[in-house]
Structures are given as C-alpha cells and as structure tokens.
Amino acid sequence: MDRKELDIILEKHHKWVNDEADGKRADLRGAYLRGAYLEGADLEGADLRGADLEGADLRGADLVGAYLRGADL
C-alpha cells in the first residue's frame, strides 16, 4: 500500500471516529505496513487483522479497540 492511499484511509477513519461526514472505518486487514510511519495515528477501532506491521512506527498511535488478531507486530 502506498503512502497516499494509507493517508486517505487514515483521514476517513479519523472522521469515522469523530462521527463526521464521509467517515469510514479503516479496513487494513492483511495490509503490508512493514516499516510504515504511523506515529500518532488515530487507529481506534481500526481493523488490522493479519496486517504486517513489523517495524512500523506506532509511537503515540491510538490502538484502543483496534482488531489486531493475527497481526505481525
């Protein structure tokens, strides 16, 4: 997944978390996010099942209620 696509998903997810128009829950099931820069990302309730997050920078990311089953951290 390229950075532009990820940024769009994260922007829509942030809107979803805040009940804003055009919001959509992040569906990142099985996504290749190895080494991704996600510092401070709002991933509350995001679906990250089976995602490859090895080496991803998750410092300060909000993962409350995120689905992480099978994710490689």
PDB file of N, CA and C in Angstrom:
ATOM      1  N   MET A   1       0.857  -1.182   0.000  1.00  0.00           N
ATOM      2  CA  MET A   1       0.000   0.000   0.000  1.00  0.00           C
ATOM      3  C   MET A   1       0.898   1.239   0.000  1.00  0.00           C
ATOM      4  N   ASP A   2       0.605   2.166  -0.889  1.00  0.00           N
ATOM      5  CA  ASP A   2       1.444   3.363  -0.920  1.00  0.00           C
ATOM      6  C   ASP A   2       0.979   4.377   0.126  1.00  0.00           C
ATOM      7  N   ARG A   3       1.838   5.328   0.401  1.00  0.00           N
ATOM      8  CA  ARG A   3       1.593   6.297   1.473  1.00  0.00           C
ATOM      9  C   ARG A   3       0.342   7.137   1.210  1.00  0.00           C
ATOM     10  N   LYS A   4       0.115   7.509  -0.039  1.00  0.00           N
ATOM     11  CA  LYS A   4      -1.044   8.343  -0.367  1.00  0.00           C
ATOM     12  C   LYS A   4      -2.350   7.608  -0.048  1.00  0.00           C
ATOM     13  N   GLU A   5      -2.414   6.337  -0.436  1.00  0.00           N
ATOM     14  CA  GLU A   5      -3.604   5.534  -0.167  1.00  0.00           C
ATOM     15  C   GLU A   5      -3.820   5.379   1.338  1.00  0.00           C
ATOM     16  N   LEU A   6      -2.733   5.132   2.072  1.00  0.00           N
ATOM     17  CA  LEU A   6      -2.817   4.997   3.526  1.00  0.00           C
ATOM     18  C   LEU A   6      -3.292   6.290   4.167  1.00  0.00           C
ATOM     19  N   ASP A   7      -2.784   7.424   3.700  1.00  0.00           N
ATOM     20  CA  ASP A   7      -3.193   8.719   4.258  1.00  0.00           C
ATOM     21  C   ASP A   7      -4.687   8.958   4.065  1.00  0.00           C
ATOM     22  N   ILE A   8      -5.223   8.564   2.918  1.00  0.00           N
ATOM     23  CA  ILE A   8      -6.658   8.733   2.650  1.00  0.00           C
ATOM     24  C   ILE A   8      -7.472   7.858   3.600  1.00  0.00           C
ATOM     25  N   ILE A   9      -7.038   6.610   3.775  1.00  0.00           N
ATOM     26  CA  ILE A   9      -7.725   5.694   4.688  1.00  0.00           C
ATOM     27  C   ILE A   9      -7.703   6.247   6.110  1.00  0.00           C
ATOM     28  N   LEU A  10      -6.546   6.748   6.548  1.00  0.00           N
ATOM     29  CA  LEU A  10      -6.429   7.281   7.905  1.00  0.00           C
ATOM     30  C   LEU A  10      -7.267   8.541   8.098  1.00  0.00           C
ATOM     31  N   GLU A  11      -7.344   9.371   7.069  1.00  0.00           N
ATOM     32  CA  GLU A  11      -8.156  10.584   7.154  1.00  0.00           C
ATOM     33  C   GLU A  11      -9.636  10.237   7.283  1.00  0.00           C
ATOM     34  N   LYS A  12     -10.116   9.290   6.475  1.00  0.00           N
ATOM     35  CA  LYS A  12     -11.514   8.871   6.551  1.00  0.00           C
ATOM     36  C   LYS A  12     -11.805   8.182   7.885  1.00  0.00           C
ATOM     37  N   HIS A  13     -10.826   7.424   8.386  1.00  0.00           N
ATOM     38  CA  HIS A  13     -11.012   6.742   9.661  1.00  0.00           C
ATOM     39  C   HIS A  13     -11.128   7.760  10.795  1.00  0.00           C
ATOM     40  N   HIS A  14     -10.290   8.783  10.768  1.00  0.00           N
ATOM     41  CA  HIS A  14     -10.350   9.832  11.789  1.00  0.00           C
ATOM     42  C   HIS A  14     -11.743  10.475  11.789  1.00  0.00           C
ATOM     43  N   LYS A  15     -12.284  10.698  10.610  1.00  0.00           N
ATOM     44  CA  LYS A  15     -13.641  11.257  10.518  1.00  0.00           C
ATOM     45  C   LYS A  15     -14.661  10.284  11.092  1.00  0.00           C
ATOM     46  N   TRP A  16     -14.478   8.984  10.813  1.00  0.00           N
ATOM     47  CA  TRP A  16     -15.385   7.960  11.330  1.00  0.00           C
ATOM     48  C   TRP A  16     -15.378   7.950  12.854  1.00  0.00           C
ATOM     49  N   VAL A  17     -14.195   8.006  13.445  1.00  0.00           N
ATOM     50  CA  VAL A  17     -14.057   8.010  14.910  1.00  0.00           C
ATOM     51  C   VAL A  17     -14.784   9.210  15.505  1.00  0.00           C
ATOM     52  N   ASN A  18     -14.747  10.331  14.800  1.00  0.00           N
ATOM     53  CA  ASN A  18     -15.346  11.570  15.299  1.00  0.00           C
ATOM     54  C   ASN A  18     -16.751  11.816  14.775  1.00  0.00           C
ATOM     55  N   ASP A  19     -17.373  10.775  14.203  1.00  0.00           N
ATOM     56  CA  ASP A  19     -18.745  10.868  13.680  1.00  0.00           C
ATOM     57  C   ASP A  19     -18.938  12.022  12.694  1.00  0.00           C
ATOM     58  N   GLU A  20     -17.939  12.251  11.863  1.00  0.00           N
ATOM     59  CA  GLU A  20     -18.020  13.303  10.853  1.00  0.00           C
ATOM     60  C   GLU A  20     -18.496  12.720   9.521  1.00  0.00           C
ATOM     61  N   ALA A  21     -19.026  13.585   8.674  1.00  0.00           N
ATOM     62  CA  ALA A  21     -19.482  13.173   7.353  1.00  0.00           C
ATOM     63  C   ALA A  21     -18.328  12.573   6.561  1.00  0.00           C
ATOM     64  N   ASP A  22     -18.637  11.626   5.705  1.00  0.00           N
ATOM     65  CA  ASP A  22     -17.665  10.957   4.834  1.00  0.00           C
ATOM     66  C   ASP A  22     -16.661  10.094   5.590  1.00  0.00           C
ATOM     67  N   GLY A  23     -16.931   9.837   6.864  1.00  0.00           N
ATOM     68  CA  GLY A  23     -16.037   8.975   7.627  1.00  0.00           C
ATOM     69  C   GLY A  23     -16.238   7.513   7.281  1.00  0.00           C
ATOM     70  N   LYS A  24     -15.180   6.738   7.385  1.00  0.00           N
ATOM     71  CA  LYS A  24     -15.246   5.305   7.116  1.00  0.00           C
ATOM     72  C   LYS A  24     -14.200   4.599   7.970  1.00  0.00           C
ATOM     73  N   ARG A  25     -14.640   3.549   8.640  1.00  0.00           N
ATOM     74  CA  ARG A  25     -13.734   2.774   9.479  1.00  0.00           C
ATOM     75  C   ARG A  25     -12.594   2.204   8.633  1.00  0.00           C
ATOM     76  N   ALA A  26     -11.382   2.283   9.143  1.00  0.00           N
ATOM     77  CA  ALA A  26     -10.214   1.779   8.421  1.00  0.00           C
ATOM     78  C   ALA A  26     -10.244   0.258   8.344  1.00  0.00           C
ATOM     79  N   ASP A  27     -10.222  -0.263   7.142  1.00  0.00           N
ATOM     80  CA  ASP A  27     -10.149  -1.697   6.906  1.00  0.00           C
ATOM     81  C   ASP A  27      -8.768  -1.979   6.329  1.00  0.00           C
ATOM     82  N   LEU A  28      -7.864  -2.364   7.208  1.00  0.00           N
ATOM     83  CA  LEU A  28      -6.478  -2.628   6.821  1.00  0.00           C
ATOM     84  C   LEU A  28      -6.137  -4.092   7.026  1.00  0.00           C
ATOM     85  N   ARG A  29      -7.143  -4.948   6.893  1.00  0.00           N
ATOM     86  CA  ARG A  29      -6.920  -6.379   7.038  1.00  0.00           C
ATOM     87  C   ARG A  29      -5.887  -6.848   6.019  1.00  0.00           C
ATOM     88  N   GLY A  30      -4.868  -7.520   6.529  1.00  0.00           N
ATOM     89  CA  GLY A  30      -3.854  -8.095   5.667  1.00  0.00           C
ATOM     90  C   GLY A  30      -2.960  -7.087   4.973  1.00  0.00           C
ATOM     91  N   ALA A  31      -3.041  -5.829   5.348  1.00  0.00           N
ATOM     92  CA  ALA A  31      -2.245  -4.787   4.687  1.00  0.00           C
ATOM     93  C   ALA A  31      -0.755  -4.944   4.987  1.00  0.00           C
ATOM     94  N   TYR A  32       0.058  -4.640   3.997  1.00  0.00           N
ATOM     95  CA  TYR A  32       1.510  -4.643   4.163  1.00  0.00           C
ATOM     96  C   TYR A  32       1.917  -3.257   4.621  1.00  0.00           C
ATOM     97  N   LEU A  33       2.152  -3.137   5.929  1.00  0.00           N
ATOM     98  CA  LEU A  33       2.509  -1.856   6.535  1.00  0.00           C
ATOM     99  C   LEU A  33       3.863  -1.942   7.220  1.00  0.00           C
ATOM    100  N   ARG A  34       4.677  -2.872   6.766  1.00  0.00           N
ATOM    101  CA  ARG A  34       6.003  -3.087   7.349  1.00  0.00           C
ATOM    102  C   ARG A  34       6.809  -1.795   7.251  1.00  0.00           C
ATOM    103  N   GLY A  35       7.283  -1.322   8.409  1.00  0.00           N
ATOM    104  CA  GLY A  35       8.106  -0.120   8.458  1.00  0.00           C
ATOM    105  C   GLY A  35       7.347   1.180   8.244  1.00  0.00           C
ATOM    106  N   ALA A  36       6.019   1.129   8.225  1.00  0.00           N
ATOM    107  CA  ALA A  36       5.215   2.335   7.977  1.00  0.00           C
ATOM    108  C   ALA A  36       5.354   3.337   9.116  1.00  0.00           C
ATOM    109  N   TYR A  37       5.314   4.604   8.764  1.00  0.00           N
ATOM    110  CA  TYR A  37       5.356   5.679   9.752  1.00  0.00           C
ATOM    111  C   TYR A  37       3.927   5.969  10.179  1.00  0.00           C
ATOM    112  N   LEU A  38       3.557   5.492  11.375  1.00  0.00           N
ATOM    113  CA  LEU A  38       2.203   5.661  11.898  1.00  0.00           C
ATOM    114  C   LEU A  38       2.224   6.362  13.254  1.00  0.00           C
ATOM    115  N   GLU A  39       3.298   7.083  13.521  1.00  0.00           N
ATOM    116  CA  GLU A  39       3.412   7.774  14.805  1.00  0.00           C
ATOM    117  C   GLU A  39       2.227   8.717  15.001  1.00  0.00           C
ATOM    118  N   GLY A  40       1.529   8.541  16.135  1.00  0.00           N
ATOM    119  CA  GLY A  40       0.395   9.393  16.487  1.00  0.00           C
ATOM    120  C   GLY A  40      -0.872   9.127  15.684  1.00  0.00           C
ATOM    121  N   ALA A  41      -0.888   8.075  14.881  1.00  0.00           N
ATOM    122  CA  ALA A  41      -2.061   7.780  14.049  1.00  0.00           C
ATOM    123  C   ALA A  41      -3.277   7.418  14.901  1.00  0.00           C
ATOM    124  N   ASP A  42      -4.433   7.860  14.454  1.00  0.00           N
ATOM    125  CA  ASP A  42      -5.689   7.524  15.113  1.00  0.00           C
ATOM    126  C   ASP A  42      -6.186   6.220  14.503  1.00  0.00           C
ATOM    127  N   LEU A  43      -5.923   5.099  15.171  1.00  0.00           N
ATOM    128  CA  LEU A  43      -6.326   3.775  14.694  1.00  0.00           C
ATOM    129  C   LEU A  43      -7.359   3.143  15.618  1.00  0.00           C
ATOM    130  N   GLU A  44      -8.032   3.976  16.405  1.00  0.00           N
ATOM    131  CA  GLU A  44      -9.049   3.481  17.331  1.00  0.00           C
ATOM    132  C   GLU A  44     -10.121   2.712  16.569  1.00  0.00           C
ATOM    133  N   GLY A  45     -10.297   1.440  16.931  1.00  0.00           N
ATOM    134  CA  GLY A  45     -11.323   0.619  16.307  1.00  0.00           C
ATOM    135  C   GLY A  45     -11.006   0.158  14.891  1.00  0.00           C
ATOM    136  N   ALA A  46      -9.809   0.424  14.411  1.00  0.00           N
ATOM    137  CA  ALA A  46      -9.435   0.028  13.047  1.00  0.00           C
ATOM    138  C   ALA A  46      -9.307  -1.493  12.944  1.00  0.00           C
ATOM    139  N   ASP A  47      -9.551  -2.024  11.756  1.00  0.00           N
ATOM    140  CA  ASP A  47      -9.420  -3.461  11.522  1.00  0.00           C
ATOM    141  C   ASP A  47      -8.045  -3.723  10.917  1.00  0.00           C
ATOM    142  N   LEU A  48      -7.149  -4.253  11.741  1.00  0.00           N
ATOM    143  CA  LEU A  48      -5.774  -4.538  11.334  1.00  0.00           C
ATOM    144  C   LEU A  48      -5.475  -6.026  11.390  1.00  0.00           C
ATOM    145  N   ARG A  49      -6.524  -6.841  11.341  1.00  0.00           N
ATOM    146  CA  ARG A  49      -6.319  -8.289  11.421  1.00  0.00           C
ATOM    147  C   ARG A  49      -5.410  -8.763  10.292  1.00  0.00           C
ATOM    148  N   GLY A  50      -4.378  -9.492  10.686  1.00  0.00           N
ATOM    149  CA  GLY A  50      -3.464 -10.069   9.718  1.00  0.00           C
ATOM    150  C   GLY A  50      -2.536  -9.078   9.043  1.00  0.00           C
ATOM    151  N   ALA A  51      -2.537  -7.837   9.473  1.00  0.00           N
ATOM    152  CA  ALA A  51      -1.668  -6.822   8.859  1.00  0.00           C
ATOM    153  C   ALA A  51      -0.212  -7.065   9.252  1.00  0.00           C
ATOM    154  N   ASP A  52       0.687  -6.734   8.350  1.00  0.00           N
ATOM    155  CA  ASP A  52       2.122  -6.831   8.614  1.00  0.00           C
ATOM    156  C   ASP A  52       2.603  -5.466   9.077  1.00  0.00           C
ATOM    157  N   LEU A  53       2.784  -5.327  10.385  1.00  0.00           N
ATOM    158  CA  LEU A  53       3.203  -4.064  10.994  1.00  0.00           C
ATOM    159  C   LEU A  53       4.622  -4.154  11.557  1.00  0.00           C
ATOM    160  N   GLU A  54       5.362  -5.162  11.138  1.00  0.00           N
ATOM    161  CA  GLU A  54       6.713  -5.332  11.658  1.00  0.00           C
ATOM    162  C   GLU A  54       7.545  -4.085  11.362  1.00  0.00           C
ATOM    163  N   GLY A  55       8.144  -3.539  12.399  1.00  0.00           N
ATOM    164  CA  GLY A  55       8.997  -2.367  12.257  1.00  0.00           C
ATOM    165  C   GLY A  55       8.247  -1.068  12.043  1.00  0.00           C
ATOM    166  N   ALA A  56       6.904  -1.095  12.080  1.00  0.00           N
ATOM    167  CA  ALA A  56       6.132   0.138  11.914  1.00  0.00           C
ATOM    168  C   ALA A  56       6.312   1.025  13.139  1.00  0.00           C
ATOM    169  N   ASP A  57       6.362   2.324  12.912  1.00  0.00           N
ATOM    170  CA  ASP A  57       6.493   3.288  13.998  1.00  0.00           C
ATOM    171  C   ASP A  57       5.093   3.601  14.509  1.00  0.00           C
ATOM    172  N   LEU A  58       4.738   3.019  15.644  1.00  0.00           N
ATOM    173  CA  LEU A  58       3.414   3.186  16.241  1.00  0.00           C
ATOM    174  C   LEU A  58       3.451   4.034  17.501  1.00  0.00           C
ATOM    175  N   ARG A  59       4.550   4.755  17.710  1.00  0.00           N
ATOM    176  CA  ARG A  59       4.640   5.590  18.915  1.00  0.00           C
ATOM    177  C   ARG A  59       3.492   6.591  18.970  1.00  0.00           C
ATOM    178  N   GLY A  60       2.781   6.564  20.076  1.00  0.00           N
ATOM    179  CA  GLY A  60       1.687   7.503  20.290  1.00  0.00           C
ATOM    180  C   GLY A  60       0.430   7.202  19.490  1.00  0.00           C
ATOM    181  N   ALA A  61       0.420   6.108  18.736  1.00  0.00           N
ATOM    182  CA  ALA A  61      -0.774   5.752  17.959  1.00  0.00           C
ATOM    183  C   ALA A  61      -1.885   5.288  18.899  1.00  0.00           C
ATOM    184  N   ASP A  62      -3.112   5.631  18.570  1.00  0.00           N
ATOM    185  CA  ASP A  62      -4.271   5.215  19.354  1.00  0.00           C
ATOM    186  C   ASP A  62      -4.780   3.903  18.773  1.00  0.00           C
ATOM    187  N   LEU A  63      -4.576   2.816  19.504  1.00  0.00           N
ATOM    188  CA  LEU A  63      -4.997   1.488  19.067  1.00  0.00           C
ATOM    189  C   LEU A  63      -6.126   0.927  19.929  1.00  0.00           C
ATOM    190  N   VAL A  64      -6.790   1.800  20.680  1.00  0.00           N
ATOM    191  CA  VAL A  64      -7.875   1.358  21.552  1.00  0.00           C
ATOM    192  C   VAL A  64      -8.963   0.706  20.699  1.00  0.00           C
ATOM    193  N   GLY A  65      -9.305  -0.515  21.037  1.00  0.00           N
ATOM    194  CA  GLY A  65     -10.361  -1.226  20.337  1.00  0.00           C
ATOM    195  C   GLY A  65     -10.011  -1.687  18.929  1.00  0.00           C
ATOM    196  N   ALA A  66      -8.748  -1.537  18.540  1.00  0.00           N
ATOM    197  CA  ALA A  66      -8.333  -1.992  17.206  1.00  0.00           C
ATOM    198  C   ALA A  66      -8.316  -3.513  17.169  1.00  0.00           C
ATOM    199  N   TYR A  67      -8.682  -4.068  16.033  1.00  0.00           N
ATOM    200  CA  TYR A  67      -8.666  -5.517  15.835  1.00  0.00           C
ATOM    201  C   TYR A  67      -7.288  -5.900  15.319  1.00  0.00           C
ATOM    202  N   LEU A  68      -6.530  -6.652  16.134  1.00  0.00           N
ATOM    203  CA  LEU A  68      -5.147  -6.970  15.815  1.00  0.00           C
ATOM    204  C   LEU A  68      -4.887  -8.471  15.707  1.00  0.00           C
ATOM    205  N   ARG A  69      -5.927  -9.278  15.717  1.00  0.00           N
ATOM    206  CA  ARG A  69      -5.736 -10.733  15.658  1.00  0.00           C
ATOM    207  C   ARG A  69      -4.919 -11.093  14.426  1.00  0.00           C
ATOM    208  N   GLY A  70      -3.845 -11.831  14.636  1.00  0.00           N
ATOM    209  CA  GLY A  70      -3.009 -12.301  13.552  1.00  0.00           C
ATOM    210  C   GLY A  70      -2.084 -11.256  12.967  1.00  0.00           C
ATOM    211  N   ALA A  71      -2.110 -10.040  13.516  1.00  0.00           N
ATOM    212  CA  ALA A  71      -1.212  -9.000  13.005  1.00  0.00           C
ATOM    213  C   ALA A  71       0.212  -9.283  13.436  1.00  0.00           C
ATOM    214  N   ASP A  72       1.155  -8.984  12.579  1.00  0.00           N
ATOM    215  CA  ASP A  72       2.575  -9.170  12.871  1.00  0.00           C
ATOM    216  C   ASP A  72       3.109  -7.843  13.378  1.00  0.00           C
ATOM    217  N   LEU A  73       3.364  -7.810  14.692  1.00  0.00           N
ATOM    218  CA  LEU A  73       3.877  -6.588  15.310  1.00  0.00           C
ATOM    219  C   LEU A  73       5.346  -6.739  15.615  1.00  0.00           C
TER     220      LEU A  73
END
